[in-house]
Amino acid sequence: MPKREKNHPSALQIEYVCPKCGKHLAWALPSTIIQCPDCGKWVNSKNRKIESEVFLPIDSDQLVLFPDC
């Protein structure tokens, strides 16, 4: 199995937050498109609400980040 670069952009997840209603949707790859279950808005990496620019490795077991700690 080839060794994956830790900082390769396609191997990192970003947080998707609905720009219309502010609902936290999911951590997913930047190529993902998610429909908000509350308001129905389609959210992608370009129109998502960015609360903080944090990246999560795709193989991380961490479910929740605490950026203010």
C-alpha atoms as a PDB file:
ATOM      1  CA  MET A   1       0.000   0.000   0.000  1.00  0.00           C
ATOM      2  CA  PRO A   2       1.499   3.397  -0.948  1.00  0.00           C
ATOM      3  CA  LYS A   3       2.288   5.797   1.860  1.00  0.00           C
ATOM      4  CA  ARG A   4      -0.172   8.713   1.928  1.00  0.00           C
ATOM      5  CA  GLU A   5       1.131  12.222   2.553  1.00  0.00           C
ATOM      6  CA  LYS A   6      -0.338  13.580   5.783  1.00  0.00           C
ATOM      7  CA  ASN A   7      -0.893  17.107   4.417  1.00  0.00           C
ATOM      8  CA  HIS A   8      -2.268  16.129   1.014  1.00  0.00           C
ATOM      9  CA  PRO A   9      -5.440  18.257   0.525  1.00  0.00           C
ATOM     10  CA  SER A  10      -7.548  15.383  -0.796  1.00  0.00           C
ATOM     11  CA  ALA A  11      -6.866  13.396   2.376  1.00  0.00           C
ATOM     12  CA  LEU A  12      -8.234  16.089   4.709  1.00  0.00           C
ATOM     13  CA  GLN A  13     -11.829  16.683   5.736  1.00  0.00           C
ATOM     14  CA  ILE A  14     -13.407  20.111   6.222  1.00  0.00           C
ATOM     15  CA  GLU A  15     -16.394  21.075   8.339  1.00  0.00           C
ATOM     16  CA  TYR A  16     -19.617  21.777   6.474  1.00  0.00           C
ATOM     17  CA  VAL A  17     -21.894  24.391   8.078  1.00  0.00           C
ATOM     18  CA  CYS A  18     -25.017  25.593   6.258  1.00  0.00           C
ATOM     19  CA  PRO A  19     -24.607  29.236   5.162  1.00  0.00           C
ATOM     20  CA  LYS A  20     -28.374  29.801   5.344  1.00  0.00           C
ATOM     21  CA  CYS A  21     -29.381  28.417   8.755  1.00  0.00           C
ATOM     22  CA  GLY A  22     -26.000  27.744  10.434  1.00  0.00           C
ATOM     23  CA  LYS A  23     -26.589  24.017  11.079  1.00  0.00           C
ATOM     24  CA  HIS A  24     -23.402  21.968  11.515  1.00  0.00           C
ATOM     25  CA  LEU A  25     -23.756  19.259   8.875  1.00  0.00           C
ATOM     26  CA  ALA A  26     -20.678  17.033   8.717  1.00  0.00           C
ATOM     27  CA  TRP A  27     -16.940  16.652   8.345  1.00  0.00           C
ATOM     28  CA  ALA A  28     -16.295  15.536   4.777  1.00  0.00           C
ATOM     29  CA  LEU A  29     -13.889  15.775   1.845  1.00  0.00           C
ATOM     30  CA  PRO A  30     -13.764  19.145   0.007  1.00  0.00           C
ATOM     31  CA  SER A  31     -15.409  17.616  -3.088  1.00  0.00           C
ATOM     32  CA  THR A  32     -18.581  16.706  -1.129  1.00  0.00           C
ATOM     33  CA  ILE A  33     -21.980  18.347  -1.656  1.00  0.00           C
ATOM     34  CA  ILE A  34     -24.449  18.072   1.243  1.00  0.00           C
ATOM     35  CA  GLN A  35     -28.102  19.089   1.464  1.00  0.00           C
ATOM     36  CA  CYS A  36     -29.064  20.705   4.763  1.00  0.00           C
ATOM     37  CA  PRO A  37     -31.887  18.675   6.335  1.00  0.00           C
ATOM     38  CA  ASP A  38     -33.316  21.770   8.081  1.00  0.00           C
ATOM     39  CA  CYS A  39     -33.584  24.332   5.261  1.00  0.00           C
ATOM     40  CA  GLY A  40     -32.853  22.280   2.109  1.00  0.00           C
ATOM     41  CA  LYS A  41     -29.885  24.405   0.921  1.00  0.00           C
ATOM     42  CA  TRP A  42     -27.166  22.553  -0.986  1.00  0.00           C
ATOM     43  CA  VAL A  43     -23.758  23.169   0.617  1.00  0.00           C
ATOM     44  CA  ASN A  44     -20.376  22.675  -1.045  1.00  0.00           C
ATOM     45  CA  SER A  45     -16.827  23.715  -0.169  1.00  0.00           C
ATOM     46  CA  LYS A  46     -17.263  27.124  -1.839  1.00  0.00           C
ATOM     47  CA  ASN A  47     -20.529  28.260  -0.240  1.00  0.00           C
ATOM     48  CA  ARG A  48     -20.189  26.652   3.210  1.00  0.00           C
ATOM     49  CA  LYS A  49     -20.119  28.899   6.240  1.00  0.00           C
ATOM     50  CA  ILE A  50     -16.564  28.930   7.571  1.00  0.00           C
ATOM     51  CA  GLU A  51     -16.436  29.342  11.338  1.00  0.00           C
ATOM     52  CA  SER A  52     -12.785  28.320  11.567  1.00  0.00           C
ATOM     53  CA  GLU A  53     -10.465  26.869   8.953  1.00  0.00           C
ATOM     54  CA  VAL A  54      -9.654  23.500  10.542  1.00  0.00           C
ATOM     55  CA  PHE A  55      -8.758  20.351   8.619  1.00  0.00           C
ATOM     56  CA  LEU A  56      -9.238  16.830   9.938  1.00  0.00           C
ATOM     57  CA  PRO A  57      -7.287  13.852   8.567  1.00  0.00           C
ATOM     58  CA  ILE A  58      -9.575  11.365   6.862  1.00  0.00           C
ATOM     59  CA  ASP A  59      -8.348   8.495   9.046  1.00  0.00           C
ATOM     60  CA  SER A  60      -8.799  10.395  12.331  1.00  0.00           C
ATOM     61  CA  ASP A  61     -10.834   8.845  15.131  1.00  0.00           C
ATOM     62  CA  GLN A  62     -11.567  12.303  16.502  1.00  0.00           C
ATOM     63  CA  LEU A  63     -15.279  13.136  16.221  1.00  0.00           C
ATOM     64  CA  VAL A  64     -15.451  16.559  17.858  1.00  0.00           C
ATOM     65  CA  LEU A  65     -12.915  19.365  17.823  1.00  0.00           C
ATOM     66  CA  PHE A  66     -12.624  21.905  20.585  1.00  0.00           C
ATOM     67  CA  PRO A  67     -10.822  24.878  18.967  1.00  0.00           C
ATOM     68  CA  ASP A  68     -11.345  27.188  21.984  1.00  0.00           C
ATOM     69  CA  CYS A  69      -9.632  24.886  24.495  1.00  0.00           C
END
